[in-house]
């Protein structure tokens, strides 16, 4: 059975179809998320039918799909493990270990996640992990390129910034749970934008795409990340302004710009 799975997994037509489907995601996400609020986190609630699941476990399951499919793609392609492949694989696994295991473990609480959001994320992460893992498994480039190290540096900066701003939000969440009300986030890039955690993730995957160039799946991934998080940042920014009459003069996601 594993041999049959491997045969289908490695077929060029399977990969090409997955990349083709994946490329449509950013085009679908932007108009959809400008109309609706994805029902998780601050916007958790009903979407037609109230089919919400435990936030912590839902988050863990839907995020862990990506590193699993990425690892399976590497297992089936049997790469030679050049420095290029090793470094980019490590970046992927480090990010998703944090997102799927450490992040939900650190959170004092997580809002319920609608089953539609969970299923959509599982589909996205299946294709995301599969296509990016396949590309890394089948390609290698020299790491003696300025672009590679600039990209890796941006990835590291975005990753560290994401963890830092998540920590600020976790502290605020604990305060909210004690006092039963929301607070305006402060510190770090919160002084300039409402959603520095989203900005950090966009920086992170922009850096990864630069380092992995010319990977098409990596370009689609950062495009999908921006298409998902920028509309959500706009909605969050508007929510803050409605919730707090004295909300500071800051942008939604890009300092001084947007």
Protein backbone atom coordinates (compact mmCIF):
# COMPACT_ATOMS: atom_id res chain seq x y z
CA UNK A 1 0.00 0.00 0.00
CA UNK A 2 2.83 2.40 0.86
CA UNK A 3 4.33 1.75 -2.56
CA UNK A 4 1.04 2.70 -4.25
CA UNK A 5 0.78 5.87 -2.17
CA UNK A 6 4.38 6.74 -3.05
CA UNK A 7 3.74 6.19 -6.76
CA UNK A 8 0.75 8.53 -6.76
CA UNK A 9 2.45 11.05 -4.45
CA UNK A 10 5.46 11.34 -6.79
CA UNK A 11 3.53 11.58 -10.07
CA UNK A 12 4.24 14.85 -11.86
CA UNK A 13 0.55 15.19 -12.71
CA UNK A 14 -0.37 14.97 -8.99
CA UNK A 15 2.10 17.72 -8.17
CA UNK A 16 1.05 19.92 -11.11
CA UNK A 17 -2.63 19.58 -10.19
CA UNK A 18 -1.92 20.44 -6.55
CA UNK A 19 0.10 23.53 -7.53
CA UNK A 20 -2.68 24.60 -9.92
CA UNK A 21 -5.30 24.32 -7.17
CA UNK A 22 -2.98 26.01 -4.68
CA UNK A 23 -2.46 28.99 -7.01
CA UNK A 24 -6.20 29.79 -6.86
CA UNK A 25 -6.23 30.15 -3.07
CA UNK A 26 -5.01 33.78 -2.82
CA UNK A 27 -7.54 34.81 -5.48
CA UNK A 28 -10.36 33.22 -3.48
CA UNK A 29 -9.21 34.35 -0.04
CA UNK A 30 -9.09 38.11 -0.58
CA UNK A 31 -12.73 38.69 -1.69
CA UNK A 32 -14.05 35.99 0.69
CA UNK A 33 -12.30 37.38 3.78
CA UNK A 34 -13.25 40.96 2.98
CA UNK A 35 -16.89 39.85 3.17
CA UNK A 36 -16.82 37.41 6.11
CA UNK A 37 -14.82 37.12 9.32
CA UNK A 38 -13.16 33.71 9.52
CA UNK A 39 -14.80 32.31 12.68
CA UNK A 40 -11.89 31.82 15.06
CA UNK A 41 -10.08 33.92 17.67
CA UNK A 42 -11.71 37.32 18.22
CA UNK A 43 -14.34 36.53 15.58
CA UNK A 44 -15.22 33.07 16.87
CA UNK A 45 -18.90 32.30 16.61
CA UNK A 46 -21.59 31.07 14.28
CA UNK A 47 -21.20 30.74 10.53
CA UNK A 48 -24.67 29.65 9.48
CA UNK A 49 -24.65 26.74 11.97
CA UNK A 50 -22.83 26.84 15.30
CA UNK A 51 -20.47 23.91 14.72
CA UNK A 52 -17.52 25.03 16.81
CA UNK A 53 -14.84 22.77 18.26
CA UNK A 54 -12.32 23.03 21.08
CA UNK A 55 -9.94 25.82 20.04
CA UNK A 56 -6.70 24.35 21.38
CA UNK A 57 -7.12 20.90 19.85
CA UNK A 58 -8.58 22.19 16.58
CA UNK A 59 -5.64 24.56 16.15
CA UNK A 60 -3.12 21.83 16.87
CA UNK A 61 -4.69 19.34 14.44
CA UNK A 62 -5.15 21.74 11.53
CA UNK A 63 -1.61 23.18 11.83
CA UNK A 64 0.25 19.89 12.32
CA UNK A 65 -1.02 18.66 8.94
CA UNK A 66 1.50 20.89 7.13
CA UNK A 67 4.75 19.55 8.66
CA UNK A 68 3.46 15.97 8.36
CA UNK A 69 2.75 16.26 4.62
CA UNK A 70 5.99 18.22 4.14
CA UNK A 71 7.93 15.41 5.85
CA UNK A 72 6.12 12.74 3.81
CA UNK A 73 7.05 14.54 0.60
CA UNK A 74 10.69 14.49 1.68
CA UNK A 75 10.44 10.82 2.66
CA UNK A 76 9.09 9.86 -0.76
CA UNK A 77 11.43 12.08 -2.82
CA UNK A 78 14.54 10.95 -0.90
CA UNK A 79 16.57 14.18 -1.21
CA UNK A 80 20.37 14.21 -1.04
CA UNK A 81 20.18 16.63 1.91
CA UNK A 82 22.25 19.48 0.57
CA UNK A 83 22.72 22.51 2.88
CA UNK A 84 19.93 24.25 0.93
CA UNK A 85 17.49 21.42 1.61
CA UNK A 86 18.53 20.99 5.23
CA UNK A 87 18.23 24.67 6.14
CA UNK A 88 14.85 25.22 4.47
CA UNK A 89 13.46 21.99 5.92
CA UNK A 90 14.64 23.08 9.38
CA UNK A 91 12.95 26.48 8.93
CA UNK A 92 9.67 24.79 7.99
CA UNK A 93 9.72 22.30 10.86
CA UNK A 94 10.75 24.92 13.43
CA UNK A 95 7.90 27.23 12.40
CA UNK A 96 5.25 24.53 12.45
CA UNK A 97 6.48 22.96 15.68
CA UNK A 98 5.88 26.34 17.24
CA UNK A 99 2.52 26.90 15.54
CA UNK A 100 1.03 23.44 16.06
CA UNK A 101 2.40 22.46 19.48
CA UNK A 102 4.11 25.27 21.39
CA UNK A 103 1.69 28.09 20.49
CA UNK A 104 -1.50 26.33 21.71
CA UNK A 105 0.36 25.01 24.77
CA UNK A 106 1.45 28.55 25.73
CA UNK A 107 -2.01 30.07 25.31
CA UNK A 108 -3.94 30.36 28.58
CA UNK A 109 -7.12 29.83 26.56
CA UNK A 110 -8.19 29.63 22.92
CA UNK A 111 -11.60 30.53 21.51
CA UNK A 112 -13.60 27.75 19.82
CA UNK A 113 -12.90 27.26 16.11
CA UNK A 114 -15.74 26.66 13.65
CA UNK A 115 -15.57 23.30 11.87
CA UNK A 116 -15.58 25.12 8.49
CA UNK A 117 -12.40 27.00 9.47
CA UNK A 118 -10.76 23.79 10.70
CA UNK A 119 -11.58 21.83 7.53
CA UNK A 120 -10.52 24.71 5.27
CA UNK A 121 -7.20 24.94 7.12
CA UNK A 122 -6.62 21.19 6.87
CA UNK A 123 -7.14 21.31 3.07
CA UNK A 124 -4.84 24.34 2.78
CA UNK A 125 -2.12 22.75 4.90
CA UNK A 126 -2.32 19.43 3.04
CA UNK A 127 -1.62 21.16 -0.26
CA UNK A 128 0.82 23.62 1.26
CA UNK A 129 2.95 20.98 2.99
CA UNK A 130 2.78 18.61 0.00
CA UNK A 131 3.82 21.10 -2.69
CA UNK A 132 6.53 22.85 -0.70
CA UNK A 133 7.96 19.54 0.54
CA UNK A 134 7.98 18.13 -2.99
CA UNK A 135 9.79 21.18 -4.33
CA UNK A 136 12.46 21.12 -1.61
CA UNK A 137 12.88 17.35 -2.02
CA UNK A 138 13.45 17.63 -5.78
CA UNK A 139 15.48 20.85 -5.98
CA UNK A 140 18.64 22.30 -4.55
CA UNK A 141 20.50 25.56 -4.98
CA UNK A 142 23.77 26.95 -3.74
CA UNK A 143 23.59 28.63 -0.36
CA UNK A 144 26.46 30.90 -1.40
CA UNK A 145 23.99 33.51 -2.62
CA UNK A 146 23.25 36.85 -1.02
CA UNK A 147 19.54 36.36 -1.73
CA UNK A 148 19.48 33.10 0.22
CA UNK A 149 20.94 34.65 3.38
CA UNK A 150 18.86 37.81 3.14
CA UNK A 151 15.79 35.60 2.83
CA UNK A 152 16.84 33.42 5.75
CA UNK A 153 17.51 36.52 7.82
CA UNK A 154 14.03 37.85 7.07
CA UNK A 155 12.58 34.46 7.97
CA UNK A 156 14.38 34.50 11.33
CA UNK A 157 13.35 38.11 11.99
CA UNK A 158 9.71 37.36 11.20
CA UNK A 159 9.74 34.19 13.29
CA UNK A 160 11.25 35.92 16.34
CA UNK A 161 8.90 38.90 15.97
CA UNK A 162 5.92 36.56 15.73
CA UNK A 163 6.82 34.81 18.99
CA UNK A 164 7.50 38.14 20.73
CA UNK A 165 4.15 39.67 19.78
CA UNK A 166 2.31 36.42 20.54
CA UNK A 167 3.83 36.66 24.03
CA UNK A 168 2.47 40.20 24.45
CA UNK A 169 -0.98 39.00 23.38
CA UNK A 170 -0.84 36.02 25.75
CA UNK A 171 -0.11 38.35 28.67
CA UNK A 172 -2.99 40.58 27.63
CA UNK A 173 -5.28 37.56 27.36
CA UNK A 174 -4.48 36.55 30.93
CA UNK A 175 -5.26 40.08 32.07
CA UNK A 176 -8.53 40.02 30.14
CA UNK A 177 -9.54 36.71 31.74
CA UNK A 178 -8.99 38.16 35.21
CA UNK A 179 -10.73 41.49 34.63
CA UNK A 180 -13.35 40.32 32.10
CA UNK A 181 -12.70 43.02 29.53
CA UNK A 182 -10.51 43.74 26.50
CA UNK A 183 -7.38 45.90 26.58
CA UNK A 184 -5.46 47.80 23.91
CA UNK A 185 -2.24 45.94 23.05
CA UNK A 186 0.98 47.90 23.58
CA UNK A 187 4.69 47.28 23.18
CA UNK A 188 6.86 46.39 20.22
CA UNK A 189 5.24 46.98 16.83
CA UNK A 190 1.84 47.33 18.52
CA UNK A 191 2.81 50.99 18.84
CA UNK A 192 2.58 51.24 15.04
CA UNK A 193 0.09 48.60 13.86
CA UNK A 194 -2.86 46.69 15.26
CA UNK A 195 -1.63 43.28 14.06
CA UNK A 196 2.18 42.98 14.24
CA UNK A 197 1.84 39.21 14.61
CA UNK A 198 0.29 39.08 11.12
CA UNK A 199 2.96 41.41 9.75
CA UNK A 200 5.63 39.16 11.30
CA UNK A 201 4.22 36.07 9.62
CA UNK A 202 4.14 37.80 6.23
CA UNK A 203 7.79 38.88 6.70
CA UNK A 204 8.71 35.34 7.74
CA UNK A 205 7.30 33.68 4.63
CA UNK A 206 8.51 36.44 2.32
CA UNK A 207 11.99 35.63 3.60
CA UNK A 208 11.42 31.91 3.07
CA UNK A 209 10.26 32.51 -0.52
CA UNK A 210 13.40 34.59 -1.21
CA UNK A 211 15.65 31.90 0.24
CA UNK A 212 13.82 29.11 -1.63
CA UNK A 213 13.72 31.02 -4.94
CA UNK A 214 12.64 30.05 -7.58
CA UNK A 215 10.13 27.83 -5.72
CA UNK A 216 6.60 28.42 -7.07
CA UNK A 217 4.92 26.78 -4.02
CA UNK A 218 6.85 29.14 -1.69
CA UNK A 219 5.66 32.15 -3.70
CA UNK A 220 2.07 30.89 -3.57
CA UNK A 221 2.43 30.34 0.18
CA UNK A 222 3.50 33.90 0.97
CA UNK A 223 0.78 35.20 -1.37
CA UNK A 224 -1.81 33.08 0.44
CA UNK A 225 -0.48 34.22 3.82
CA UNK A 226 -0.88 37.87 2.82
CA UNK A 227 -4.28 37.21 1.24
CA UNK A 228 -5.46 35.63 4.48
CA UNK A 229 -3.91 37.92 7.07
CA UNK A 230 -4.20 41.39 5.53
CA UNK A 231 -8.04 41.32 5.29
CA UNK A 232 -8.19 39.86 8.80
CA UNK A 233 -5.87 42.62 10.05
CA UNK A 234 -8.20 45.22 8.54
CA UNK A 235 -11.20 43.65 10.27
CA UNK A 236 -9.30 43.47 13.58
CA UNK A 237 -8.20 47.09 13.23
CA UNK A 238 -11.81 48.20 12.70
CA UNK A 239 -12.90 46.09 15.67
CA UNK A 240 -10.36 47.83 17.93
CA UNK A 241 -11.49 51.27 16.78
CA UNK A 242 -15.12 50.43 17.54
CA UNK A 243 -14.30 48.81 20.88
CA UNK A 244 -12.08 51.65 22.14
CA UNK A 245 -13.03 55.28 21.57
CA UNK A 246 -9.51 56.38 22.52
CA UNK A 247 -7.75 53.86 20.25
CA UNK A 248 -4.25 55.12 19.26
CA UNK A 249 -3.52 56.40 15.77
CA UNK A 250 -1.88 53.31 14.29
CA UNK A 251 -2.20 51.40 11.02
CA UNK A 252 -3.68 47.93 10.53
CA UNK A 253 -0.69 45.87 9.45
CA UNK A 254 2.06 47.91 7.69
CA UNK A 255 3.60 50.72 9.81
CA UNK A 256 2.84 54.25 8.51
CA UNK A 257 1.33 52.81 5.30
CA UNK A 258 -1.68 50.50 5.67
